[in-house]
Amino acid sequence: MALLVLVAWVGIRLVFDGWSGWPGILVGGFLYAGFMTWFLMRRRRRDARAVGTDAARVPELERRIAKNGELPEDPAERAVMVRLIRRREEKLRRNQWWAFPLLGLVFFGLPIFWFAAGNVPMGVWGLVFGALLLGWMVWFNRRFVRRMARMRQRIEGVGGGSAGASAAGPVGGGAQGFAHGAR
């Protein structure tokens, strides 16, 4: 993740600022990459503690959830996966009311400043890319929420799935938990 952030940061800054400031851009890229790595590792450790697993397992569980992969055979592992899904759903519900409006303000507010400064081409490009990026983020968020709900439904056995535990099983929640998470 750090390498991806570093390459993206340096690439974008070089495009906008040119080669003249490359040492500062590189230092800023390393600082930002370090911060993002620290932030993501901290989140992974907190998630692991909250769901009852170790931090090294969280990325694998997230990949399984995102790709609707195979279900864990171990009932304890299934319970961990359901707790992780519920944690993600709760975070998304809690933060979506302010996150998307703030992103919209950033994506559409900056082009307004470009228009006000008389830079119409940059304002138009900003509006186009802002609309595309915000639309993609809304679509990606909805897709991820649907996949989490589908995976939790498969694990909990809602709808007659043979792969999940019963509603009274170790993962709990049943249909009521799924209906609550799908809102």
N, C-alpha and C. Protein backbone atom coordinates (compact mmCIF):
# COMPACT_ATOMS: atom_id res chain seq x y z
N MET A 1 0.83 -1.19 0.00
CA MET A 1 0.00 0.00 0.00
C MET A 1 0.88 1.25 0.00
N ALA A 2 1.95 1.21 0.76
CA ALA A 2 2.83 2.37 0.82
C ALA A 2 3.43 2.68 -0.55
N LEU A 3 3.82 1.66 -1.28
CA LEU A 3 4.40 1.87 -2.60
C LEU A 3 3.37 2.46 -3.56
N LEU A 4 2.14 1.98 -3.49
CA LEU A 4 1.08 2.52 -4.34
C LEU A 4 0.82 3.99 -4.03
N VAL A 5 0.74 4.33 -2.75
CA VAL A 5 0.50 5.72 -2.36
C VAL A 5 1.68 6.59 -2.80
N LEU A 6 2.90 6.09 -2.62
CA LEU A 6 4.08 6.85 -3.01
C LEU A 6 4.08 7.14 -4.51
N VAL A 7 3.84 6.11 -5.30
CA VAL A 7 3.85 6.28 -6.76
C VAL A 7 2.74 7.23 -7.20
N ALA A 8 1.55 7.08 -6.65
CA ALA A 8 0.43 7.94 -7.03
C ALA A 8 0.71 9.39 -6.64
N TRP A 9 1.17 9.59 -5.41
CA TRP A 9 1.46 10.95 -4.93
C TRP A 9 2.52 11.61 -5.80
N VAL A 10 3.63 10.94 -6.01
CA VAL A 10 4.73 11.51 -6.78
C VAL A 10 4.30 11.74 -8.23
N GLY A 11 3.59 10.78 -8.82
CA GLY A 11 3.16 10.93 -10.19
C GLY A 11 2.22 12.12 -10.39
N ILE A 12 1.24 12.24 -9.52
CA ILE A 12 0.28 13.34 -9.64
C ILE A 12 0.96 14.69 -9.41
N ARG A 13 1.79 14.76 -8.39
CA ARG A 13 2.48 16.02 -8.11
C ARG A 13 3.43 16.41 -9.23
N LEU A 14 4.13 15.44 -9.83
CA LEU A 14 5.03 15.76 -10.94
C LEU A 14 4.25 16.26 -12.15
N VAL A 15 3.07 15.71 -12.40
CA VAL A 15 2.25 16.17 -13.51
C VAL A 15 1.84 17.62 -13.30
N PHE A 16 1.42 17.96 -12.09
CA PHE A 16 0.92 19.31 -11.84
C PHE A 16 2.04 20.32 -11.58
N ASP A 17 3.13 19.91 -10.92
CA ASP A 17 4.17 20.86 -10.52
C ASP A 17 5.40 20.83 -11.41
N GLY A 18 5.56 19.80 -12.21
CA GLY A 18 6.73 19.69 -13.07
C GLY A 18 7.92 19.10 -12.33
N TRP A 19 9.01 18.92 -13.08
CA TRP A 19 10.19 18.26 -12.54
C TRP A 19 11.02 19.15 -11.61
N SER A 20 10.78 20.43 -11.62
CA SER A 20 11.64 21.34 -10.86
C SER A 20 11.60 21.09 -9.36
N GLY A 21 10.48 20.64 -8.83
CA GLY A 21 10.37 20.42 -7.40
C GLY A 21 10.44 18.97 -6.98
N TRP A 22 11.11 18.12 -7.76
CA TRP A 22 11.05 16.68 -7.49
C TRP A 22 11.59 16.28 -6.12
N PRO A 23 12.64 16.92 -5.55
CA PRO A 23 13.07 16.45 -4.22
C PRO A 23 11.99 16.63 -3.15
N GLY A 24 11.35 17.79 -3.15
CA GLY A 24 10.28 18.04 -2.17
C GLY A 24 9.09 17.13 -2.40
N ILE A 25 8.79 16.88 -3.66
CA ILE A 25 7.68 15.99 -4.00
C ILE A 25 7.97 14.58 -3.49
N LEU A 26 9.19 14.13 -3.67
CA LEU A 26 9.58 12.79 -3.23
C LEU A 26 9.53 12.68 -1.70
N VAL A 27 10.03 13.70 -1.00
CA VAL A 27 9.98 13.69 0.47
C VAL A 27 8.52 13.70 0.94
N GLY A 28 7.69 14.55 0.32
CA GLY A 28 6.27 14.58 0.67
C GLY A 28 5.60 13.25 0.40
N GLY A 29 5.97 12.61 -0.70
CA GLY A 29 5.42 11.30 -1.03
C GLY A 29 5.77 10.25 0.01
N PHE A 30 7.04 10.26 0.46
CA PHE A 30 7.43 9.31 1.50
C PHE A 30 6.70 9.57 2.81
N LEU A 31 6.54 10.85 3.17
CA LEU A 31 5.82 11.16 4.40
C LEU A 31 4.35 10.74 4.31
N TYR A 32 3.71 11.02 3.18
CA TYR A 32 2.31 10.65 3.02
C TYR A 32 2.15 9.12 2.97
N ALA A 33 3.05 8.44 2.29
CA ALA A 33 2.99 6.98 2.23
C ALA A 33 3.17 6.38 3.63
N GLY A 34 4.10 6.94 4.39
CA GLY A 34 4.31 6.46 5.76
C GLY A 34 3.08 6.68 6.62
N PHE A 35 2.47 7.86 6.49
CA PHE A 35 1.26 8.15 7.25
C PHE A 35 0.13 7.19 6.88
N MET A 36 -0.10 6.99 5.58
CA MET A 36 -1.18 6.09 5.15
C MET A 36 -0.95 4.66 5.61
N THR A 37 0.30 4.21 5.57
CA THR A 37 0.61 2.86 6.03
C THR A 37 0.33 2.74 7.52
N TRP A 38 0.78 3.73 8.30
CA TRP A 38 0.52 3.72 9.73
C TRP A 38 -0.99 3.72 10.01
N PHE A 39 -1.74 4.57 9.30
CA PHE A 39 -3.17 4.68 9.50
C PHE A 39 -3.88 3.36 9.19
N LEU A 40 -3.54 2.73 8.06
CA LEU A 40 -4.18 1.47 7.68
C LEU A 40 -3.81 0.33 8.62
N MET A 41 -2.57 0.29 9.06
CA MET A 41 -2.16 -0.75 10.01
C MET A 41 -2.87 -0.57 11.35
N ARG A 42 -3.05 0.68 11.78
CA ARG A 42 -3.77 0.96 13.02
C ARG A 42 -5.22 0.50 12.90
N ARG A 43 -5.83 0.80 11.75
CA ARG A 43 -7.22 0.37 11.53
C ARG A 43 -7.31 -1.15 11.53
N ARG A 44 -6.35 -1.81 10.90
CA ARG A 44 -6.36 -3.27 10.84
C ARG A 44 -6.24 -3.86 12.25
N ARG A 45 -5.36 -3.30 13.09
CA ARG A 45 -5.22 -3.81 14.46
C ARG A 45 -6.50 -3.59 15.27
N ARG A 46 -7.12 -2.43 15.11
CA ARG A 46 -8.38 -2.16 15.83
C ARG A 46 -9.49 -3.10 15.38
N ASP A 47 -9.59 -3.31 14.08
CA ASP A 47 -10.60 -4.24 13.57
C ASP A 47 -10.36 -5.65 14.09
N ALA A 48 -9.11 -6.06 14.09
CA ALA A 48 -8.78 -7.41 14.56
C ALA A 48 -9.17 -7.58 16.03
N ARG A 49 -8.86 -6.59 16.85
CA ARG A 49 -9.23 -6.67 18.27
C ARG A 49 -10.75 -6.70 18.43
N ALA A 50 -11.45 -5.90 17.64
CA ALA A 50 -12.91 -5.80 17.77
C ALA A 50 -13.62 -7.08 17.34
N VAL A 51 -13.07 -7.79 16.36
CA VAL A 51 -13.76 -8.99 15.86
C VAL A 51 -13.19 -10.28 16.42
N GLY A 52 -12.08 -10.21 17.14
CA GLY A 52 -11.54 -11.40 17.80
C GLY A 52 -10.61 -12.24 16.95
N THR A 53 -9.76 -11.60 16.16
CA THR A 53 -8.77 -12.33 15.38
C THR A 53 -7.47 -11.55 15.40
N ASP A 54 -6.45 -12.07 14.72
CA ASP A 54 -5.20 -11.32 14.67
C ASP A 54 -5.18 -10.44 13.42
N ALA A 55 -4.37 -9.40 13.48
CA ALA A 55 -4.34 -8.38 12.42
C ALA A 55 -3.95 -8.94 11.06
N ALA A 56 -3.16 -10.00 11.03
CA ALA A 56 -2.73 -10.57 9.75
C ALA A 56 -3.89 -11.24 9.00
N ARG A 57 -4.95 -11.62 9.69
CA ARG A 57 -6.09 -12.29 9.06
C ARG A 57 -7.09 -11.31 8.46
N VAL A 58 -7.10 -10.06 8.90
CA VAL A 58 -8.10 -9.10 8.45
C VAL A 58 -8.08 -8.88 6.93
N PRO A 59 -6.91 -8.67 6.30
CA PRO A 59 -6.95 -8.48 4.83
C PRO A 59 -7.51 -9.67 4.07
N GLU A 60 -7.19 -10.87 4.52
CA GLU A 60 -7.73 -12.06 3.84
C GLU A 60 -9.25 -12.13 3.99
N LEU A 61 -9.75 -11.84 5.18
CA LEU A 61 -11.20 -11.84 5.38
C LEU A 61 -11.86 -10.75 4.54
N GLU A 62 -11.24 -9.59 4.45
CA GLU A 62 -11.79 -8.51 3.63
C GLU A 62 -11.83 -8.90 2.15
N ARG A 63 -10.78 -9.59 1.68
CA ARG A 63 -10.77 -10.04 0.29
C ARG A 63 -11.88 -11.05 0.03
N ARG A 64 -12.07 -11.98 0.97
CA ARG A 64 -13.14 -12.96 0.82
C ARG A 64 -14.50 -12.28 0.76
N ILE A 65 -14.69 -11.28 1.59
CA ILE A 65 -15.95 -10.55 1.62
C ILE A 65 -16.14 -9.79 0.31
N ALA A 66 -15.12 -9.08 -0.12
CA ALA A 66 -15.22 -8.25 -1.32
C ALA A 66 -15.43 -9.08 -2.58
N LYS A 67 -14.84 -10.26 -2.63
CA LYS A 67 -14.94 -11.10 -3.82
C LYS A 67 -16.03 -12.16 -3.71
N ASN A 68 -16.79 -12.14 -2.60
CA ASN A 68 -17.77 -13.19 -2.34
C ASN A 68 -17.14 -14.56 -2.48
N GLY A 69 -16.01 -14.71 -1.84
CA GLY A 69 -15.23 -15.94 -1.93
C GLY A 69 -15.83 -17.08 -1.14
N GLU A 70 -15.01 -18.12 -0.98
CA GLU A 70 -15.50 -19.30 -0.28
C GLU A 70 -15.69 -18.99 1.20
N LEU A 71 -16.64 -19.69 1.78
CA LEU A 71 -16.94 -19.52 3.19
C LEU A 71 -15.96 -20.33 4.02
N PRO A 72 -15.58 -19.80 5.16
CA PRO A 72 -14.70 -20.58 6.04
C PRO A 72 -15.44 -21.81 6.56
N GLU A 73 -14.72 -22.90 6.70
CA GLU A 73 -15.31 -24.14 7.23
C GLU A 73 -15.51 -24.05 8.74
N ASP A 74 -14.60 -23.39 9.41
CA ASP A 74 -14.62 -23.29 10.87
C ASP A 74 -15.73 -22.33 11.32
N PRO A 75 -16.64 -22.79 12.20
CA PRO A 75 -17.70 -21.90 12.69
C PRO A 75 -17.16 -20.66 13.41
N ALA A 76 -16.05 -20.79 14.10
CA ALA A 76 -15.46 -19.63 14.78
C ALA A 76 -14.97 -18.61 13.76
N GLU A 77 -14.40 -19.10 12.66
CA GLU A 77 -13.94 -18.20 11.59
C GLU A 77 -15.12 -17.51 10.92
N ARG A 78 -16.22 -18.23 10.77
CA ARG A 78 -17.43 -17.62 10.21
C ARG A 78 -17.95 -16.51 11.13
N ALA A 79 -17.91 -16.78 12.42
CA ALA A 79 -18.36 -15.77 13.38
C ALA A 79 -17.49 -14.52 13.30
N VAL A 80 -16.18 -14.71 13.15
CA VAL A 80 -15.27 -13.57 13.00
C VAL A 80 -15.62 -12.79 11.74
N MET A 81 -15.89 -13.51 10.65
CA MET A 81 -16.21 -12.84 9.39
C MET A 81 -17.51 -12.04 9.52
N VAL A 82 -18.51 -12.59 10.17
CA VAL A 82 -19.77 -11.88 10.36
C VAL A 82 -19.54 -10.64 11.22
N ARG A 83 -18.73 -10.76 12.28
CA ARG A 83 -18.45 -9.58 13.11
C ARG A 83 -17.72 -8.50 12.31
N LEU A 84 -16.81 -8.91 11.43
CA LEU A 84 -16.11 -7.94 10.59
C LEU A 84 -17.08 -7.27 9.62
N ILE A 85 -17.97 -8.04 9.03
CA ILE A 85 -18.97 -7.47 8.12
C ILE A 85 -19.84 -6.47 8.87
N ARG A 86 -20.31 -6.86 10.04
CA ARG A 86 -21.16 -5.96 10.82
C ARG A 86 -20.41 -4.69 11.20
N ARG A 87 -19.14 -4.82 11.52
CA ARG A 87 -18.34 -3.64 11.87
C ARG A 87 -18.21 -2.71 10.67
N ARG A 88 -17.95 -3.27 9.50
CA ARG A 88 -17.84 -2.45 8.28
C ARG A 88 -19.18 -1.78 7.95
N GLU A 89 -20.27 -2.55 8.06
CA GLU A 89 -21.59 -1.99 7.78
C GLU A 89 -21.90 -0.83 8.72
N GLU A 90 -21.59 -1.01 9.99
CA GLU A 90 -21.86 0.05 10.96
C GLU A 90 -21.02 1.29 10.66
N LYS A 91 -19.76 1.11 10.31
CA LYS A 91 -18.91 2.26 9.97
C LYS A 91 -19.43 2.97 8.73
N LEU A 92 -19.86 2.22 7.73
CA LEU A 92 -20.40 2.84 6.52
C LEU A 92 -21.67 3.61 6.83
N ARG A 93 -22.56 3.02 7.62
CA ARG A 93 -23.80 3.71 7.99
C ARG A 93 -23.51 4.97 8.79
N ARG A 94 -22.57 4.88 9.69
CA ARG A 94 -22.27 6.00 10.58
C ARG A 94 -21.61 7.16 9.83
N ASN A 95 -20.83 6.87 8.80
CA ASN A 95 -20.03 7.91 8.15
C ASN A 95 -20.56 8.39 6.81
N GLN A 96 -21.49 7.67 6.20
CA GLN A 96 -21.90 8.05 4.85
C GLN A 96 -22.68 9.36 4.83
N TRP A 97 -23.32 9.74 5.91
CA TRP A 97 -24.12 10.96 5.91
C TRP A 97 -23.26 12.20 5.75
N TRP A 98 -22.00 12.14 6.17
CA TRP A 98 -21.14 13.32 6.03
C TRP A 98 -20.06 13.12 4.97
N ALA A 99 -19.66 11.88 4.69
CA ALA A 99 -18.53 11.66 3.79
C ALA A 99 -18.85 12.03 2.34
N PHE A 100 -19.98 11.58 1.83
CA PHE A 100 -20.30 11.87 0.44
C PHE A 100 -20.60 13.35 0.21
N PRO A 101 -21.33 14.03 1.09
CA PRO A 101 -21.49 15.48 0.89
C PRO A 101 -20.16 16.24 0.94
N LEU A 102 -19.26 15.83 1.82
CA LEU A 102 -17.96 16.49 1.88
C LEU A 102 -17.16 16.25 0.60
N LEU A 103 -17.18 15.02 0.10
CA LEU A 103 -16.50 14.74 -1.17
C LEU A 103 -17.13 15.55 -2.31
N GLY A 104 -18.44 15.65 -2.32
CA GLY A 104 -19.11 16.47 -3.33
C GLY A 104 -18.69 17.92 -3.25
N LEU A 105 -18.57 18.43 -2.03
CA LEU A 105 -18.12 19.81 -1.85
C LEU A 105 -16.71 20.00 -2.38
N VAL A 106 -15.82 19.05 -2.12
CA VAL A 106 -14.45 19.14 -2.61
C VAL A 106 -14.42 19.01 -4.13
N PHE A 107 -15.10 17.98 -4.66
CA PHE A 107 -15.05 17.72 -6.10
C PHE A 107 -15.71 18.82 -6.93
N PHE A 108 -16.75 19.47 -6.38
CA PHE A 108 -17.44 20.51 -7.14
C PHE A 108 -17.11 21.91 -6.66
N GLY A 109 -16.56 22.03 -5.46
CA GLY A 109 -16.16 23.34 -4.95
C GLY A 109 -14.88 23.84 -5.58
N LEU A 110 -13.91 22.99 -5.78
CA LEU A 110 -12.66 23.41 -6.40
C LEU A 110 -12.85 23.92 -7.82
N PRO A 111 -13.64 23.25 -8.66
CA PRO A 111 -13.88 23.82 -10.00
C PRO A 111 -14.54 25.19 -9.97
N ILE A 112 -15.36 25.44 -8.97
CA ILE A 112 -15.98 26.77 -8.85
C ILE A 112 -14.90 27.83 -8.63
N PHE A 113 -13.89 27.50 -7.82
CA PHE A 113 -12.78 28.44 -7.63
C PHE A 113 -12.01 28.65 -8.93
N TRP A 114 -11.83 27.58 -9.71
CA TRP A 114 -11.14 27.72 -10.99
C TRP A 114 -11.94 28.60 -11.94
N PHE A 115 -13.26 28.42 -11.95
CA PHE A 115 -14.11 29.28 -12.79
C PHE A 115 -14.01 30.73 -12.32
N ALA A 116 -14.05 30.94 -11.02
CA ALA A 116 -13.97 32.31 -10.47
C ALA A 116 -12.63 32.96 -10.79
N ALA A 117 -11.57 32.15 -10.87
CA ALA A 117 -10.25 32.68 -11.19
C ALA A 117 -10.06 32.89 -12.69
N GLY A 118 -11.06 32.51 -13.48
CA GLY A 118 -10.97 32.69 -14.92
C GLY A 118 -10.36 31.53 -15.67
N ASN A 119 -10.09 30.45 -15.00
CA ASN A 119 -9.50 29.27 -15.65
C ASN A 119 -10.64 28.31 -16.02
N VAL A 120 -11.35 28.63 -17.09
CA VAL A 120 -12.52 27.85 -17.49
C VAL A 120 -12.16 26.43 -17.90
N PRO A 121 -11.10 26.19 -18.69
CA PRO A 121 -10.79 24.80 -19.05
C PRO A 121 -10.50 23.92 -17.82
N MET A 122 -9.76 24.46 -16.86
CA MET A 122 -9.47 23.67 -15.66
C MET A 122 -10.74 23.44 -14.84
N GLY A 123 -11.64 24.43 -14.82
CA GLY A 123 -12.91 24.27 -14.12
C GLY A 123 -13.78 23.19 -14.75
N VAL A 124 -13.81 23.17 -16.09
CA VAL A 124 -14.59 22.14 -16.79
C VAL A 124 -14.01 20.76 -16.52
N TRP A 125 -12.68 20.64 -16.65
CA TRP A 125 -12.04 19.35 -16.36
C TRP A 125 -12.29 18.92 -14.92
N GLY A 126 -12.22 19.87 -14.01
CA GLY A 126 -12.49 19.55 -12.60
C GLY A 126 -13.90 19.05 -12.38
N LEU A 127 -14.88 19.69 -13.03
CA LEU A 127 -16.26 19.24 -12.91
C LEU A 127 -16.46 17.84 -13.50
N VAL A 128 -15.88 17.61 -14.67
CA VAL A 128 -16.03 16.30 -15.32
C VAL A 128 -15.41 15.21 -14.46
N PHE A 129 -14.15 15.41 -14.06
CA PHE A 129 -13.49 14.38 -13.25
C PHE A 129 -14.13 14.25 -11.87
N GLY A 130 -14.58 15.35 -11.29
CA GLY A 130 -15.26 15.29 -10.00
C GLY A 130 -16.54 14.48 -10.08
N ALA A 131 -17.33 14.72 -11.13
CA ALA A 131 -18.59 13.98 -11.30
C ALA A 131 -18.31 12.49 -11.53
N LEU A 132 -17.32 12.21 -12.38
CA LEU A 132 -16.97 10.81 -12.63
C LEU A 132 -16.46 10.12 -11.37
N LEU A 133 -15.59 10.78 -10.63
CA LEU A 133 -15.02 10.17 -9.43
C LEU A 133 -16.07 9.98 -8.35
N LEU A 134 -16.91 10.98 -8.14
CA LEU A 134 -17.96 10.85 -7.12
C LEU A 134 -18.96 9.76 -7.52
N GLY A 135 -19.33 9.72 -8.80
CA GLY A 135 -20.23 8.66 -9.27
C GLY A 135 -19.63 7.29 -9.07
N TRP A 136 -18.33 7.14 -9.38
CA TRP A 136 -17.66 5.87 -9.18
C TRP A 136 -17.63 5.49 -7.71
N MET A 137 -17.38 6.46 -6.83
CA MET A 137 -17.32 6.16 -5.40
C MET A 137 -18.68 5.73 -4.86
N VAL A 138 -19.75 6.37 -5.31
CA VAL A 138 -21.09 5.97 -4.88
C VAL A 138 -21.39 4.56 -5.37
N TRP A 139 -21.08 4.28 -6.64
CA TRP A 139 -21.31 2.94 -7.20
C TRP A 139 -20.50 1.89 -6.44
N PHE A 140 -19.21 2.17 -6.19
CA PHE A 140 -18.35 1.22 -5.50
C PHE A 140 -18.86 0.97 -4.08
N ASN A 141 -19.29 2.02 -3.39
CA ASN A 141 -19.81 1.88 -2.03
C ASN A 141 -21.06 0.99 -2.02
N ARG A 142 -21.97 1.24 -2.95
CA ARG A 142 -23.19 0.43 -3.01
C ARG A 142 -22.88 -1.03 -3.33
N ARG A 143 -21.95 -1.24 -4.26
CA ARG A 143 -21.57 -2.60 -4.62
C ARG A 143 -20.95 -3.32 -3.42
N PHE A 144 -20.08 -2.63 -2.68
CA PHE A 144 -19.45 -3.24 -1.52
C PHE A 144 -20.47 -3.57 -0.43
N VAL A 145 -21.42 -2.67 -0.21
CA VAL A 145 -22.46 -2.92 0.79
C VAL A 145 -23.29 -4.14 0.39
N ARG A 146 -23.64 -4.25 -0.90
CA ARG A 146 -24.41 -5.42 -1.36
C ARG A 146 -23.61 -6.70 -1.18
N ARG A 147 -22.32 -6.65 -1.49
CA ARG A 147 -21.50 -7.86 -1.33
C ARG A 147 -21.37 -8.27 0.12
N MET A 148 -21.21 -7.29 1.02
CA MET A 148 -21.15 -7.62 2.44
C MET A 148 -22.45 -8.26 2.89
N ALA A 149 -23.57 -7.70 2.49
CA ALA A 149 -24.87 -8.26 2.89
C ALA A 149 -25.04 -9.66 2.33
N ARG A 150 -24.63 -9.86 1.08
CA ARG A 150 -24.75 -11.18 0.45
C ARG A 150 -23.87 -12.21 1.18
N MET A 151 -22.65 -11.80 1.52
CA MET A 151 -21.75 -12.73 2.22
C MET A 151 -22.29 -13.06 3.60
N ARG A 152 -22.80 -12.06 4.30
CA ARG A 152 -23.36 -12.32 5.63
C ARG A 152 -24.58 -13.22 5.51
N GLN A 153 -25.37 -13.03 4.47
CA GLN A 153 -26.55 -13.89 4.24
C GLN A 153 -26.09 -15.32 3.99
N ARG A 154 -25.06 -15.50 3.21
CA ARG A 154 -24.55 -16.85 2.94
C ARG A 154 -24.04 -17.51 4.22
N ILE A 155 -23.33 -16.76 5.04
CA ILE A 155 -22.76 -17.33 6.26
C ILE A 155 -23.86 -17.69 7.25
N GLU A 156 -24.82 -16.78 7.40
CA GLU A 156 -25.87 -17.01 8.39
C GLU A 156 -26.94 -17.97 7.91
N GLY A 157 -26.91 -18.31 6.62
CA GLY A 157 -27.86 -19.28 6.11
C GLY A 157 -29.24 -18.72 5.89
N VAL A 158 -29.36 -17.41 5.73
CA VAL A 158 -30.66 -16.78 5.49
C VAL A 158 -31.10 -17.13 4.09
N GLY A 159 -32.34 -17.44 3.91
CA GLY A 159 -32.89 -17.76 2.60
C GLY A 159 -32.67 -19.20 2.20
N GLY A 160 -32.36 -20.06 3.15
CA GLY A 160 -32.26 -21.48 2.87
C GLY A 160 -30.92 -21.93 2.33
N GLY A 161 -29.90 -21.07 2.44
CA GLY A 161 -28.57 -21.48 1.97
C GLY A 161 -28.03 -22.61 2.81
N SER A 162 -27.45 -23.61 2.18
CA SER A 162 -26.97 -24.77 2.91
C SER A 162 -25.59 -24.55 3.50
N ALA A 163 -24.90 -23.48 3.07
CA ALA A 163 -23.53 -23.27 3.52
C ALA A 163 -23.44 -22.58 4.86
N GLY A 164 -24.51 -21.98 5.33
CA GLY A 164 -24.41 -21.17 6.54
C GLY A 164 -24.85 -21.91 7.78
N ALA A 165 -24.68 -21.22 8.90
CA ALA A 165 -25.13 -21.74 10.19
C ALA A 165 -26.60 -21.38 10.35
N SER A 166 -27.26 -22.02 11.26
CA SER A 166 -28.66 -21.68 11.50
C SER A 166 -28.74 -20.33 12.20
N ALA A 167 -29.95 -19.77 12.23
CA ALA A 167 -30.13 -18.45 12.85
C ALA A 167 -29.77 -18.48 14.32
N ALA A 168 -29.91 -19.62 14.95
CA ALA A 168 -29.58 -19.72 16.36
C ALA A 168 -28.15 -20.22 16.57
N GLY A 169 -27.41 -20.36 15.49
CA GLY A 169 -26.05 -20.90 15.56
C GLY A 169 -25.07 -19.93 16.17
N PRO A 170 -23.77 -20.26 16.09
CA PRO A 170 -22.76 -19.49 16.77
C PRO A 170 -22.59 -18.08 16.23
N VAL A 171 -22.97 -17.78 14.98
CA VAL A 171 -22.79 -16.44 14.46
C VAL A 171 -23.94 -15.53 14.84
N GLY A 172 -25.11 -16.09 15.11
CA GLY A 172 -26.25 -15.32 15.59
C GLY A 172 -26.76 -14.34 14.56
N GLY A 173 -27.79 -13.62 14.91
CA GLY A 173 -28.32 -12.58 14.04
C GLY A 173 -29.45 -13.09 13.16
N GLY A 174 -29.21 -14.14 12.41
CA GLY A 174 -30.25 -14.69 11.55
C GLY A 174 -30.80 -13.67 10.59
N ALA A 175 -32.07 -13.85 10.23
CA ALA A 175 -32.72 -12.96 9.28
C ALA A 175 -32.83 -11.54 9.83
N GLN A 176 -33.02 -11.40 11.13
CA GLN A 176 -33.14 -10.09 11.71
C GLN A 176 -31.82 -9.31 11.54
N GLY A 177 -30.70 -9.97 11.74
CA GLY A 177 -29.40 -9.31 11.58
C GLY A 177 -29.15 -8.92 10.14
N PHE A 178 -29.57 -9.77 9.20
CA PHE A 178 -29.39 -9.44 7.79
C PHE A 178 -30.27 -8.26 7.40
N ALA A 179 -31.51 -8.29 7.83
CA ALA A 179 -32.41 -7.20 7.46
C ALA A 179 -31.92 -5.89 8.05
N HIS A 180 -31.38 -5.92 9.24
CA HIS A 180 -30.84 -4.71 9.87
C HIS A 180 -29.66 -4.19 9.08
N GLY A 181 -28.78 -5.07 8.61
CA GLY A 181 -27.59 -4.65 7.89
C GLY A 181 -27.87 -4.21 6.47
N ALA A 182 -28.99 -4.63 5.89
CA ALA A 182 -29.27 -4.30 4.50
C ALA A 182 -29.91 -2.92 4.34
N ARG A 183 -30.27 -2.28 5.43
CA ARG A 183 -30.89 -0.95 5.34
C ARG A 183 -29.94 0.07 4.83
